[in-house]
Amino acid sequence: QGIVSRKDVSMQDENGQTFEGLIETDATINP
């Protein structure tokens, strides 16, 4: 569990592909 840290976040992956409209959270994300 966690909270919404930011909304409508844009980021790029290692291939330079852009993802938009993401939700950023501090909920623990594991493999």
All heavy atoms as atom14 arrays in JSON, in Angstrom:
{
  "sequence": "QGIVSRKDVSMQDENGQTFEGLIETDATINP",
  "atom14_mask": [
    [1, 1, 1, 1, 1, 1, 1, 1, 1, 0, 0, 0, 0, 0],
    [1, 1, 1, 1, 0, 0, 0, 0, 0, 0, 0, 0, 0, 0],
    [1, 1, 1, 1, 1, 1, 1, 1, 0, 0, 0, 0, 0, 0],
    [1, 1, 1, 1, 1, 1, 1, 0, 0, 0, 0, 0, 0, 0],
    [1, 1, 1, 1, 1, 1, 0, 0, 0, 0, 0, 0, 0, 0],
    [1, 1, 1, 1, 1, 1, 1, 1, 1, 1, 1, 0, 0, 0],
    [1, 1, 1, 1, 1, 1, 1, 1, 1, 0, 0, 0, 0, 0],
    [1, 1, 1, 1, 1, 1, 1, 1, 0, 0, 0, 0, 0, 0],
    [1, 1, 1, 1, 1, 1, 1, 0, 0, 0, 0, 0, 0, 0],
    [1, 1, 1, 1, 1, 1, 0, 0, 0, 0, 0, 0, 0, 0],
    [1, 1, 1, 1, 1, 1, 1, 1, 0, 0, 0, 0, 0, 0],
    [1, 1, 1, 1, 1, 1, 1, 1, 1, 0, 0, 0, 0, 0],
    [1, 1, 1, 1, 1, 1, 1, 1, 0, 0, 0, 0, 0, 0],
    [1, 1, 1, 1, 1, 1, 1, 1, 1, 0, 0, 0, 0, 0],
    [1, 1, 1, 1, 1, 1, 1, 1, 0, 0, 0, 0, 0, 0],
    [1, 1, 1, 1, 0, 0, 0, 0, 0, 0, 0, 0, 0, 0],
    [1, 1, 1, 1, 1, 1, 1, 1, 1, 0, 0, 0, 0, 0],
    [1, 1, 1, 1, 1, 1, 1, 0, 0, 0, 0, 0, 0, 0],
    [1, 1, 1, 1, 1, 1, 1, 1, 1, 1, 1, 0, 0, 0],
    [1, 1, 1, 1, 1, 1, 1, 1, 1, 0, 0, 0, 0, 0],
    [1, 1, 1, 1, 0, 0, 0, 0, 0, 0, 0, 0, 0, 0],
    [1, 1, 1, 1, 1, 1, 1, 1, 0, 0, 0, 0, 0, 0],
    [1, 1, 1, 1, 1, 1, 1, 1, 0, 0, 0, 0, 0, 0],
    [1, 1, 1, 1, 1, 1, 1, 1, 1, 0, 0, 0, 0, 0],
    [1, 1, 1, 1, 1, 1, 1, 0, 0, 0, 0, 0, 0, 0],
    [1, 1, 1, 1, 1, 1, 1, 1, 0, 0, 0, 0, 0, 0],
    [1, 1, 1, 1, 1, 0, 0, 0, 0, 0, 0, 0, 0, 0],
    [1, 1, 1, 1, 1, 1, 1, 0, 0, 0, 0, 0, 0, 0],
    [1, 1, 1, 1, 1, 1, 1, 1, 0, 0, 0, 0, 0, 0],
    [1, 1, 1, 1, 1, 1, 1, 1, 0, 0, 0, 0, 0, 0],
    [1, 1, 1, 1, 1, 1, 1, 0, 0, 0, 0, 0, 0, 0]
  ],
  "atom14_positions": [
    [[0.84, -1.2, 0.0], [0.0, 0.0, 0.0], [0.87, 1.25, 0.0], [2.03, 1.22, 0.38], [-0.94, 0.0, 1.21], [-0.25, -0.04, 2.56], [0.24, 1.28, 3.07], [-0.35, 2.32, 2.74], [1.28, 1.27, 3.88], [0.0, 0.0, 0.0], [0.0, 0.0, 0.0], [0.0, 0.0, 0.0], [0.0, 0.0, 0.0], [0.0, 0.0, 0.0]],
    [[0.28, 2.34, -0.47], [0.99, 3.61, -0.51], [0.02, 4.72, -0.86], [-1.19, 4.58, -0.65], [0.0, 0.0, 0.0], [0.0, 0.0, 0.0], [0.0, 0.0, 0.0], [0.0, 0.0, 0.0], [0.0, 0.0, 0.0], [0.0, 0.0, 0.0], [0.0, 0.0, 0.0], [0.0, 0.0, 0.0], [0.0, 0.0, 0.0], [0.0, 0.0, 0.0]],
    [[0.55, 5.78, -1.4], [-0.27, 6.91, -1.81], [0.05, 7.29, -3.25], [1.04, 6.83, -3.82], [-0.07, 8.13, -0.89], [1.4, 8.61, -0.98], [-0.48, 7.83, 0.54], [1.64, 9.95, -0.32], [0.0, 0.0, 0.0], [0.0, 0.0, 0.0], [0.0, 0.0, 0.0], [0.0, 0.0, 0.0], [0.0, 0.0, 0.0], [0.0, 0.0, 0.0]],
    [[-0.79, 8.13, -3.81], [-0.5, 8.72, -5.12], [0.51, 9.83, -4.89], [0.24, 10.8, -4.18], [-1.78, 9.28, -5.77], [-1.44, 10.02, -7.06], [-2.78, 8.17, -6.03], [0.0, 0.0, 0.0], [0.0, 0.0, 0.0], [0.0, 0.0, 0.0], [0.0, 0.0, 0.0], [0.0, 0.0, 0.0], [0.0, 0.0, 0.0], [0.0, 0.0, 0.0]],
    [[1.7, 9.67, -5.46], [2.75, 10.68, -5.3], [2.61, 11.81, -6.31], [2.78, 12.98, -5.97], [4.13, 10.03, -5.45], [4.31, 8.98, -4.52], [0.0, 0.0, 0.0], [0.0, 0.0, 0.0], [0.0, 0.0, 0.0], [0.0, 0.0, 0.0], [0.0, 0.0, 0.0], [0.0, 0.0, 0.0], [0.0, 0.0, 0.0], [0.0, 0.0, 0.0]],
    [[2.33, 11.44, -7.56], [2.12, 12.43, -8.62], [1.12, 11.87, -9.61], [0.94, 10.66, -9.71], [3.42, 12.77, -9.36], [4.4, 13.62, -8.61], [5.47, 14.16, -9.56], [6.26, 13.07, -10.15], [7.09, 13.24, -11.19], [7.19, 14.43, -11.78], [7.79, 12.23, -11.66], [0.0, 0.0, 0.0], [0.0, 0.0, 0.0], [0.0, 0.0, 0.0]],
    [[0.52, 12.75, -10.38], [-0.4, 12.34, -11.44], [0.1, 12.86, -12.78], [0.88, 13.79, -12.86], [-1.81, 12.9, -11.18], [-2.43, 12.46, -9.87], [-3.9, 12.89, -9.81], [-4.06, 14.4, -9.98], [-5.47, 14.81, -9.97], [0.0, 0.0, 0.0], [0.0, 0.0, 0.0], [0.0, 0.0, 0.0], [0.0, 0.0, 0.0], [0.0, 0.0, 0.0]],
    [[-0.39, 12.22, -13.85], [-0.12, 12.66, -15.22], [1.38, 12.82, -15.47], [1.85, 13.84, -15.96], [-0.85, 13.97, -15.51], [-0.98, 14.24, -17.0], [-0.89, 13.28, -17.79], [-1.13, 15.42, -17.38], [0.0, 0.0, 0.0], [0.0, 0.0, 0.0], [0.0, 0.0, 0.0], [0.0, 0.0, 0.0], [0.0, 0.0, 0.0], [0.0, 0.0, 0.0]],
    [[2.14, 11.77, -15.13], [3.59, 11.79, -15.26], [4.0, 11.24, -16.62], [3.41, 10.27, -17.11], [4.24, 10.95, -14.14], [5.75, 10.92, -14.27], [3.83, 11.49, -12.77], [0.0, 0.0, 0.0], [0.0, 0.0, 0.0], [0.0, 0.0, 0.0], [0.0, 0.0, 0.0], [0.0, 0.0, 0.0], [0.0, 0.0, 0.0], [0.0, 0.0, 0.0]],
    [[5.01, 11.83, -17.23], [5.59, 11.33, -18.48], [6.99, 10.81, -18.19], [7.73, 11.4, -17.39], [5.66, 12.43, -19.54], [4.38, 12.89, -19.88], [0.0, 0.0, 0.0], [0.0, 0.0, 0.0], [0.0, 0.0, 0.0], [0.0, 0.0, 0.0], [0.0, 0.0, 0.0], [0.0, 0.0, 0.0], [0.0, 0.0, 0.0], [0.0, 0.0, 0.0]],
    [[7.36, 9.7, -18.82], [8.7, 9.16, -18.65], [9.07, 8.35, -19.87], [8.22, 7.95, -20.66], [8.79, 8.29, -17.39], [7.93, 7.05, -17.41], [8.18, 6.0, -15.97], [9.91, 5.57, -16.17], [0.0, 0.0, 0.0], [0.0, 0.0, 0.0], [0.0, 0.0, 0.0], [0.0, 0.0, 0.0], [0.0, 0.0, 0.0], [0.0, 0.0, 0.0]],
    [[10.37, 8.12, -20.04], [10.88, 7.34, -21.16], [11.52, 6.06, -20.65], [12.12, 6.03, -19.58], [11.91, 8.14, -21.96], [11.32, 9.26, -22.79], [12.37, 9.9, -23.69], [13.56, 9.81, -23.44], [11.91, 10.56, -24.75], [0.0, 0.0, 0.0], [0.0, 0.0, 0.0], [0.0, 0.0, 0.0], [0.0, 0.0, 0.0], [0.0, 0.0, 0.0]],
    [[11.38, 4.98, -21.45], [12.07, 3.75, -21.1], [13.45, 3.76, -21.72], [13.89, 4.76, -22.3], [11.25, 2.53, -21.51], [11.13, 2.38, -23.03], [11.78, 3.14, -23.78], [10.39, 1.49, -23.47], [0.0, 0.0, 0.0], [0.0, 0.0, 0.0], [0.0, 0.0, 0.0], [0.0, 0.0, 0.0], [0.0, 0.0, 0.0], [0.0, 0.0, 0.0]],
    [[14.17, 2.64, -21.6], [15.56, 2.6, -22.06], [15.67, 2.7, -23.58], [16.73, 2.99, -24.12], [16.25, 1.32, -21.57], [15.9, 0.05, -22.32], [14.55, -0.53, -21.9], [13.83, 0.1, -21.11], [14.22, -1.63, -22.36], [0.0, 0.0, 0.0], [0.0, 0.0, 0.0], [0.0, 0.0, 0.0], [0.0, 0.0, 0.0], [0.0, 0.0, 0.0]],
    [[14.56, 2.46, -24.29], [14.56, 2.56, -25.75], [14.13, 3.94, -26.24], [14.02, 4.17, -27.44], [13.62, 1.51, -26.34], [14.06, 0.09, -26.0], [15.25, -0.23, -26.08], [13.12, -0.75, -25.6], [0.0, 0.0, 0.0], [0.0, 0.0, 0.0], [0.0, 0.0, 0.0], [0.0, 0.0, 0.0], [0.0, 0.0, 0.0], [0.0, 0.0, 0.0]],
    [[13.89, 4.85, -25.3], [13.47, 6.2, -25.66], [11.98, 6.32, -25.9], [11.51, 7.39, -26.28], [0.0, 0.0, 0.0], [0.0, 0.0, 0.0], [0.0, 0.0, 0.0], [0.0, 0.0, 0.0], [0.0, 0.0, 0.0], [0.0, 0.0, 0.0], [0.0, 0.0, 0.0], [0.0, 0.0, 0.0], [0.0, 0.0, 0.0], [0.0, 0.0, 0.0]],
    [[11.22, 5.24, -25.67], [9.78, 5.29, -25.85], [9.14, 6.06, -24.72], [9.44, 5.83, -23.54], [9.19, 3.89, -25.91], [7.68, 3.86, -26.11], [7.14, 2.46, -26.27], [7.82, 1.58, -26.79], [5.92, 2.24, -25.83], [0.0, 0.0, 0.0], [0.0, 0.0, 0.0], [0.0, 0.0, 0.0], [0.0, 0.0, 0.0], [0.0, 0.0, 0.0]],
    [[8.26, 6.98, -25.05], [7.63, 7.84, -24.05], [6.3, 7.25, -23.61], [5.47, 6.84, -24.42], [7.38, 9.25, -24.62], [8.64, 9.81, -25.02], [6.75, 10.16, -23.58], [0.0, 0.0, 0.0], [0.0, 0.0, 0.0], [0.0, 0.0, 0.0], [0.0, 0.0, 0.0], [0.0, 0.0, 0.0], [0.0, 0.0, 0.0], [0.0, 0.0, 0.0]],
    [[6.1, 7.23, -22.29], [4.82, 6.84, -21.7], [4.25, 8.07, -21.0], [4.95, 8.75, -20.25], [4.99, 5.69, -20.71], [5.37, 4.39, -21.35], [6.7, 4.07, -21.58], [4.4, 3.48, -21.74], [7.05, 2.87, -22.16], [4.73, 2.28, -22.34], [6.06, 1.98, -22.56], [0.0, 0.0, 0.0], [0.0, 0.0, 0.0], [0.0, 0.0, 0.0]],
    [[2.98, 8.34, -21.25], [2.36, 9.54, -20.7], [1.13, 9.18, -19.86], [0.59, 8.08, -19.98], [1.97, 10.5, -21.82], [3.16, 11.02, -22.62], [2.76, 12.05, -23.66], [1.57, 12.07, -24.03], [3.63, 12.82, -24.1], [0.0, 0.0, 0.0], [0.0, 0.0, 0.0], [0.0, 0.0, 0.0], [0.0, 0.0, 0.0], [0.0, 0.0, 0.0]],
    [[0.72, 10.13, -19.04], [-0.47, 9.93, -18.23], [-0.3, 8.91, -17.14], [-1.28, 8.31, -16.68], [0.0, 0.0, 0.0], [0.0, 0.0, 0.0], [0.0, 0.0, 0.0], [0.0, 0.0, 0.0], [0.0, 0.0, 0.0], [0.0, 0.0, 0.0], [0.0, 0.0, 0.0], [0.0, 0.0, 0.0], [0.0, 0.0, 0.0], [0.0, 0.0, 0.0]],
    [[0.94, 8.69, -16.68], [1.19, 7.68, -15.66], [0.86, 8.2, -14.26], [0.9, 9.4, -14.0], [2.66, 7.26, -15.69], [3.18, 6.62, -16.98], [4.67, 6.34, -16.85], [2.43, 5.35, -17.31], [0.0, 0.0, 0.0], [0.0, 0.0, 0.0], [0.0, 0.0, 0.0], [0.0, 0.0, 0.0], [0.0, 0.0, 0.0], [0.0, 0.0, 0.0]],
    [[0.56, 7.26, -13.37], [0.39, 7.55, -11.96], [1.67, 7.15, -11.25], [2.16, 6.03, -11.42], [-0.79, 6.77, -11.36], [-2.1, 7.13, -12.06], [-0.9, 7.0, -9.85], [-3.23, 6.17, -11.75], [0.0, 0.0, 0.0], [0.0, 0.0, 0.0], [0.0, 0.0, 0.0], [0.0, 0.0, 0.0], [0.0, 0.0, 0.0], [0.0, 0.0, 0.0]],
    [[2.24, 8.06, -10.47], [3.42, 7.73, -9.68], [2.97, 7.42, -8.25], [2.15, 8.14, -7.68], [4.4, 8.89, -9.67], [5.69, 8.6, -8.93], [6.63, 9.79, -8.94], [7.03, 10.23, -10.03], [6.97, 10.29, -7.84], [0.0, 0.0, 0.0], [0.0, 0.0, 0.0], [0.0, 0.0, 0.0], [0.0, 0.0, 0.0], [0.0, 0.0, 0.0]],
    [[3.49, 6.33, -7.69], [3.09, 5.92, -6.35], [4.29, 5.45, -5.55], [5.29, 5.0, -6.14], [2.05, 4.78, -6.42], [1.71, 4.38, -5.08], [2.59, 3.58, -7.18], [0.0, 0.0, 0.0], [0.0, 0.0, 0.0], [0.0, 0.0, 0.0], [0.0, 0.0, 0.0], [0.0, 0.0, 0.0], [0.0, 0.0, 0.0], [0.0, 0.0, 0.0]],
    [[4.19, 5.56, -4.23], [5.25, 5.02, -3.38], [4.9, 3.63, -2.86], [5.63, 3.08, -2.04], [5.56, 5.96, -2.22], [4.42, 6.06, -1.2], [3.3, 5.6, -1.51], [4.66, 6.61, -0.11], [0.0, 0.0, 0.0], [0.0, 0.0, 0.0], [0.0, 0.0, 0.0], [0.0, 0.0, 0.0], [0.0, 0.0, 0.0], [0.0, 0.0, 0.0]],
    [[3.79, 3.07, -3.33], [3.49, 1.66, -3.01], [4.62, 0.79, -3.55], [5.05, 0.97, -4.69], [2.16, 1.25, -3.62], [0.0, 0.0, 0.0], [0.0, 0.0, 0.0], [0.0, 0.0, 0.0], [0.0, 0.0, 0.0], [0.0, 0.0, 0.0], [0.0, 0.0, 0.0], [0.0, 0.0, 0.0], [0.0, 0.0, 0.0], [0.0, 0.0, 0.0]],
    [[5.11, -0.13, -2.74], [6.27, -0.93, -3.13], [5.97, -1.77, -4.37], [4.99, -2.52, -4.41], [6.7, -1.85, -1.98], [7.0, -1.04, -0.84], [7.93, -2.66, -2.35], [0.0, 0.0, 0.0], [0.0, 0.0, 0.0], [0.0, 0.0, 0.0], [0.0, 0.0, 0.0], [0.0, 0.0, 0.0], [0.0, 0.0, 0.0], [0.0, 0.0, 0.0]],
    [[6.83, -1.63, -5.38], [6.7, -2.38, -6.62], [7.91, -3.29, -6.74], [9.05, -2.82, -6.69], [6.64, -1.44, -7.84], [5.5, -0.42, -7.69], [6.5, -2.24, -9.13], [4.13, -1.02, -7.59], [0.0, 0.0, 0.0], [0.0, 0.0, 0.0], [0.0, 0.0, 0.0], [0.0, 0.0, 0.0], [0.0, 0.0, 0.0], [0.0, 0.0, 0.0]],
    [[7.68, -4.58, -6.86], [8.76, -5.57, -6.93], [8.69, -6.35, -8.24], [7.68, -6.29, -8.95], [8.67, -6.53, -5.75], [9.15, -5.91, -4.45], [10.22, -5.3, -4.41], [8.36, -6.04, -3.4], [0.0, 0.0, 0.0], [0.0, 0.0, 0.0], [0.0, 0.0, 0.0], [0.0, 0.0, 0.0], [0.0, 0.0, 0.0], [0.0, 0.0, 0.0]],
    [[9.76, -7.1, -8.56], [9.69, -7.97, -9.74], [8.47, -8.88, -9.66], [8.2, -9.49, -8.63], [10.99, -8.78, -9.65], [11.92, -7.9, -8.89], [11.07, -7.17, -7.9], [0.0, 0.0, 0.0], [0.0, 0.0, 0.0], [0.0, 0.0, 0.0], [0.0, 0.0, 0.0], [0.0, 0.0, 0.0], [0.0, 0.0, 0.0], [0.0, 0.0, 0.0]]
  ]
}
